Amino acid sequence: MAFCYAALGNDNAFDNWYVVSIGMARTARSAQTRSPIPLKGPRSAKLPSSAVKNWLAKFAEQELSGLHPRHQVAQQLANILPQFGFNRVRTALLRAAGIPIGKGALVMGELYLSGKGDWSELFSVGADTYITGPLRVNLGGSVKIGKGVNIGHDVLLLTVDHQIGPPWRRAGWSEFGPIVIEDGVWIGSRATLLPGITVGKGSIIAAGAVVTHDVPVNTLVGGVPARVLKNL
């Protein structure tokens, strides 16, 4: 600050300070316009075209193998529709994509399928079954839903589990198990079914239950983990 006041009070000092400042500014601008990296130099080695093709093929296989364009488009379109609205349209879209849905069945809310396998073979819904939605289904293994089944809100059907791994990654190698839901079953909202489960005919799974073992025919199960509460 003292220098500034002195310069402002002395014409010669101010002129000298102004000239020096202008020179420094021009030098700074000149340095900014020069590229720190030489514009010309040895060209980097090009990868052989065969290596590039192999890399692209491997990349495409890894990144796109889990995509099912026809199923994905149908699923996205169906999920745009409002809950309990356009139920027949939503169900028809999914059928048109090749997902087996029996006569009289309705998907009344969002359906989220995932997995690398063929959804048309892994997932099926029997006749006169009502899926309230949202329903999330992990298709590492197959999921077969029988006739006359009712599925409530926010149900999870999981066919993928993990072995217990070492301390640095407890979720070890993946394991897969199918889920079978037999005819006439009622699954309450927010129930979760784990891999390898068969739900027997005419049984009920209470809301919020986590099913870890097979459910006997004509029983009511509930709790975490689910256990038989009543014979029907």
Protein backbone atom coordinates (compact mmCIF):
# COMPACT_ATOMS: atom_id res chain seq x y z
CA MET A 1 0.00 0.00 0.00
CA ALA A 2 2.88 2.36 0.82
CA PHE A 3 4.33 1.78 -2.65
CA CYS A 4 0.97 2.59 -4.27
CA TYR A 5 0.58 5.83 -2.32
CA ALA A 6 4.16 6.83 -3.19
CA ALA A 7 3.63 6.07 -6.85
CA LEU A 8 0.44 8.07 -6.99
CA GLY A 9 2.20 11.05 -5.40
CA ASN A 10 5.16 10.99 -7.83
CA ASP A 11 4.55 11.31 -11.58
CA ASN A 12 7.84 9.66 -12.58
CA ALA A 13 7.33 6.80 -10.14
CA PHE A 14 3.78 6.33 -11.39
CA ASP A 15 4.93 6.25 -15.03
CA ASN A 16 7.63 3.70 -14.24
CA TRP A 17 5.15 1.53 -12.27
CA TYR A 18 2.62 1.71 -15.11
CA VAL A 19 5.20 0.68 -17.74
CA VAL A 20 6.43 -2.23 -15.64
CA SER A 21 2.83 -3.39 -14.98
CA ILE A 22 1.93 -3.28 -18.67
CA GLY A 23 5.06 -5.26 -19.51
CA MET A 24 4.27 -7.94 -16.91
CA ALA A 25 0.70 -8.27 -18.18
CA ARG A 26 1.85 -8.69 -21.79
CA THR A 27 4.39 -11.30 -20.73
CA ALA A 28 1.69 -13.22 -18.82
CA ARG A 29 -0.68 -13.16 -21.79
CA SER A 30 2.06 -14.35 -24.10
CA ALA A 31 2.85 -17.24 -21.76
CA GLN A 32 -0.80 -18.27 -21.68
CA THR A 33 -1.07 -18.45 -25.47
CA ARG A 34 1.95 -20.73 -25.75
CA SER A 35 1.08 -24.42 -25.41
CA PRO A 36 3.08 -26.16 -22.68
CA ILE A 37 3.06 -29.27 -24.88
CA PRO A 38 4.93 -29.15 -28.19
CA LEU A 39 2.55 -29.08 -31.13
CA LYS A 40 4.85 -31.26 -33.14
CA GLY A 41 6.63 -34.31 -31.91
CA PRO A 42 6.91 -38.06 -32.24
CA ARG A 43 3.53 -39.63 -32.98
CA SER A 44 2.20 -42.16 -30.50
CA ALA A 45 2.26 -45.74 -31.63
CA LYS A 46 -1.00 -46.89 -33.19
CA LEU A 47 -2.66 -50.05 -32.01
CA PRO A 48 -3.02 -52.72 -34.68
CA SER A 49 -6.51 -52.73 -36.19
CA SER A 50 -7.05 -56.33 -35.05
CA ALA A 51 -6.29 -55.38 -31.44
CA VAL A 52 -8.74 -52.49 -31.62
CA LYS A 53 -11.45 -54.76 -33.05
CA ASN A 54 -10.86 -57.38 -30.35
CA TRP A 55 -11.01 -54.71 -27.63
CA LEU A 56 -14.25 -53.27 -29.02
CA ALA A 57 -15.78 -56.73 -29.29
CA LYS A 58 -14.86 -57.56 -25.70
CA PHE A 59 -16.17 -54.19 -24.50
CA ALA A 60 -19.47 -54.68 -26.31
CA GLU A 61 -19.83 -58.20 -24.92
CA GLN A 62 -19.25 -57.06 -21.35
CA GLU A 63 -21.35 -53.89 -21.46
CA LEU A 64 -24.24 -54.97 -23.66
CA SER A 65 -24.68 -58.65 -22.79
CA GLY A 66 -27.27 -57.91 -20.10
CA LEU A 67 -29.43 -55.73 -22.35
CA HIS A 68 -32.64 -57.00 -23.92
CA PRO A 69 -33.72 -54.20 -26.26
CA ARG A 70 -37.20 -55.51 -27.04
CA HIS A 71 -37.94 -56.35 -23.41
CA GLN A 72 -36.38 -53.13 -22.11
CA VAL A 73 -38.42 -50.92 -24.43
CA ALA A 74 -41.66 -52.71 -23.55
CA GLN A 75 -40.86 -52.53 -19.84
CA GLN A 76 -40.11 -48.81 -19.97
CA LEU A 77 -43.27 -48.04 -21.93
CA ALA A 78 -45.38 -50.17 -19.60
CA ASN A 79 -43.92 -48.50 -16.50
CA ILE A 80 -44.84 -45.03 -17.78
CA LEU A 81 -48.51 -45.87 -17.40
CA PRO A 82 -50.18 -44.86 -14.11
CA GLN A 83 -50.79 -47.37 -11.33
CA PHE A 84 -54.13 -49.19 -11.81
CA GLY A 85 -54.61 -47.36 -15.11
CA PHE A 86 -54.40 -48.92 -18.59
CA ASN A 87 -53.91 -52.36 -17.03
CA ARG A 88 -54.79 -54.21 -20.23
CA VAL A 89 -52.55 -51.95 -22.31
CA ARG A 90 -49.63 -52.47 -19.92
CA THR A 91 -50.11 -56.23 -19.93
CA ALA A 92 -50.44 -56.30 -23.74
CA LEU A 93 -47.14 -54.39 -24.13
CA LEU A 94 -45.33 -56.96 -22.03
CA ARG A 95 -46.94 -59.84 -23.92
CA ALA A 96 -45.95 -58.25 -27.23
CA ALA A 97 -42.32 -58.23 -26.06
CA GLY A 98 -42.48 -62.01 -25.67
CA ILE A 99 -42.99 -62.25 -21.90
CA PRO A 100 -45.39 -65.16 -21.22
CA ILE A 101 -48.46 -63.81 -19.40
CA GLY A 102 -51.54 -66.04 -19.25
CA LYS A 103 -55.07 -65.21 -20.31
CA GLY A 104 -56.95 -62.97 -17.90
CA ALA A 105 -53.78 -61.97 -16.00
CA LEU A 106 -53.17 -58.27 -15.33
CA VAL A 107 -50.06 -56.28 -14.48
CA MET A 108 -51.51 -53.26 -12.68
CA GLY A 109 -48.31 -51.40 -11.79
CA GLU A 110 -44.60 -51.21 -12.47
CA LEU A 111 -42.73 -54.40 -13.29
CA TYR A 112 -38.93 -54.41 -13.07
CA LEU A 113 -37.17 -57.43 -14.52
CA SER A 114 -33.37 -57.74 -14.47
CA GLY A 115 -30.80 -60.36 -15.39
CA LYS A 116 -28.67 -61.45 -18.32
CA GLY A 117 -30.67 -64.52 -19.35
CA ASP A 118 -33.61 -64.76 -21.74
CA TRP A 119 -36.52 -63.18 -19.87
CA SER A 120 -39.04 -64.95 -22.10
CA GLU A 121 -37.77 -68.30 -20.84
CA LEU A 122 -36.98 -67.38 -17.25
CA PHE A 123 -40.15 -65.48 -16.29
CA SER A 124 -43.79 -66.44 -16.73
CA VAL A 125 -47.17 -65.53 -15.26
CA GLY A 126 -50.16 -67.87 -15.21
CA ALA A 127 -53.75 -67.15 -16.18
CA ASP A 128 -55.94 -64.91 -14.01
CA THR A 129 -53.01 -63.71 -11.90
CA TYR A 130 -53.03 -60.12 -10.64
CA ILE A 131 -49.77 -58.27 -10.03
CA THR A 132 -50.36 -55.02 -8.15
CA GLY A 133 -46.85 -53.66 -8.57
CA PRO A 134 -44.27 -52.42 -8.22
CA LEU A 135 -42.80 -55.91 -8.54
CA ARG A 136 -39.05 -56.42 -8.76
CA VAL A 137 -37.77 -59.72 -10.13
CA ASN A 138 -34.10 -60.68 -10.33
CA LEU A 139 -33.77 -63.30 -13.06
CA GLY A 140 -30.46 -64.95 -12.24
CA GLY A 141 -32.67 -68.06 -12.11
CA SER A 142 -36.19 -68.71 -13.29
CA VAL A 143 -39.36 -67.30 -11.70
CA LYS A 144 -42.59 -69.14 -12.47
CA ILE A 145 -45.84 -67.66 -11.17
CA GLY A 146 -48.90 -69.91 -11.31
CA LYS A 147 -52.60 -69.35 -11.99
CA GLY A 148 -54.88 -67.23 -9.85
CA VAL A 149 -52.03 -65.65 -7.86
CA ASN A 150 -52.33 -62.23 -6.21
CA ILE A 151 -49.14 -60.22 -5.56
CA GLY A 152 -49.25 -57.02 -3.50
CA HIS A 153 -47.22 -53.82 -3.58
CA ASP A 154 -43.39 -53.72 -3.56
CA VAL A 155 -42.76 -57.46 -3.57
CA LEU A 156 -39.22 -58.74 -4.24
CA LEU A 157 -38.51 -62.05 -5.98
CA LEU A 158 -34.76 -62.67 -5.73
CA THR A 159 -33.05 -65.58 -7.44
CA VAL A 160 -29.45 -64.52 -6.77
CA ASP A 161 -27.56 -64.97 -3.50
CA HIS A 162 -23.88 -64.95 -2.52
CA GLN A 163 -21.61 -67.31 -0.69
CA ILE A 164 -19.98 -65.88 2.42
CA GLY A 165 -16.62 -64.57 1.27
CA PRO A 166 -13.37 -63.58 3.02
CA PRO A 167 -13.12 -60.55 5.33
CA TRP A 168 -12.15 -58.16 2.55
CA ARG A 169 -15.33 -59.04 0.55
CA ARG A 170 -18.03 -60.89 2.46
CA ALA A 171 -20.32 -61.14 -0.57
CA GLY A 172 -18.58 -64.01 -2.32
CA TRP A 173 -19.39 -65.98 -5.47
CA SER A 174 -22.95 -65.71 -6.74
CA GLU A 175 -25.41 -68.57 -6.33
CA PHE A 176 -28.68 -68.94 -8.21
CA GLY A 177 -31.94 -70.62 -7.31
CA PRO A 178 -35.36 -70.67 -9.02
CA ILE A 179 -38.59 -69.44 -7.45
CA VAL A 180 -41.87 -71.27 -8.02
CA ILE A 181 -45.17 -69.74 -6.91
CA GLU A 182 -47.94 -72.31 -7.28
CA ASP A 183 -51.60 -71.70 -8.10
CA GLY A 184 -53.88 -69.65 -5.86
CA VAL A 185 -51.13 -68.07 -3.73
CA TRP A 186 -51.59 -64.65 -2.11
CA ILE A 187 -48.39 -62.66 -1.45
CA GLY A 188 -48.78 -59.59 0.76
CA SER A 189 -47.12 -56.23 0.21
CA ARG A 190 -43.36 -55.86 0.74
CA ALA A 191 -42.77 -59.59 1.07
CA THR A 192 -39.38 -60.88 -0.05
CA LEU A 193 -38.77 -64.34 -1.49
CA LEU A 194 -35.17 -65.57 -1.55
CA PRO A 195 -33.60 -68.01 -4.05
CA GLY A 196 -34.70 -71.63 -4.27
CA ILE A 197 -38.19 -71.12 -2.79
CA THR A 198 -41.35 -73.00 -3.73
CA VAL A 199 -44.58 -71.51 -2.43
CA GLY A 200 -47.22 -74.24 -2.20
CA LYS A 201 -50.73 -74.04 -3.62
CA GLY A 202 -53.29 -71.96 -1.79
CA SER A 203 -50.85 -70.50 0.73
CA ILE A 204 -50.61 -66.93 2.01
CA ILE A 205 -47.43 -64.94 2.66
CA ALA A 206 -48.05 -62.13 5.14
CA ALA A 207 -47.01 -58.56 4.37
CA GLY A 208 -43.35 -57.85 5.09
CA ALA A 209 -42.37 -61.51 5.43
CA VAL A 210 -38.93 -62.72 4.34
CA VAL A 211 -39.31 -66.24 2.97
CA THR A 212 -36.14 -68.32 3.24
CA HIS A 213 -37.61 -71.85 2.95
CA ASP A 214 -40.37 -73.59 1.04
CA VAL A 215 -43.91 -72.73 2.05
CA PRO A 216 -46.21 -75.75 2.61
CA VAL A 217 -49.51 -76.03 0.76
CA ASN A 218 -52.48 -74.18 2.29
CA THR A 219 -50.60 -72.42 5.08
CA LEU A 220 -50.24 -68.85 6.30
CA VAL A 221 -46.62 -67.80 6.87
CA GLY A 222 -45.20 -64.54 8.20
CA GLY A 223 -42.30 -62.94 10.02
CA VAL A 224 -38.56 -62.56 9.49
CA PRO A 225 -37.63 -65.22 8.68
CA ALA A 226 -41.09 -66.47 7.72
CA ARG A 227 -42.60 -69.38 9.68
CA VAL A 228 -45.94 -71.16 9.58
CA LEU A 229 -48.55 -69.21 11.54
CA LYS A 230 -51.64 -71.14 10.60
CA ASN A 231 -52.87 -74.07 8.54
CA LEU A 232 -55.64 -73.04 6.17
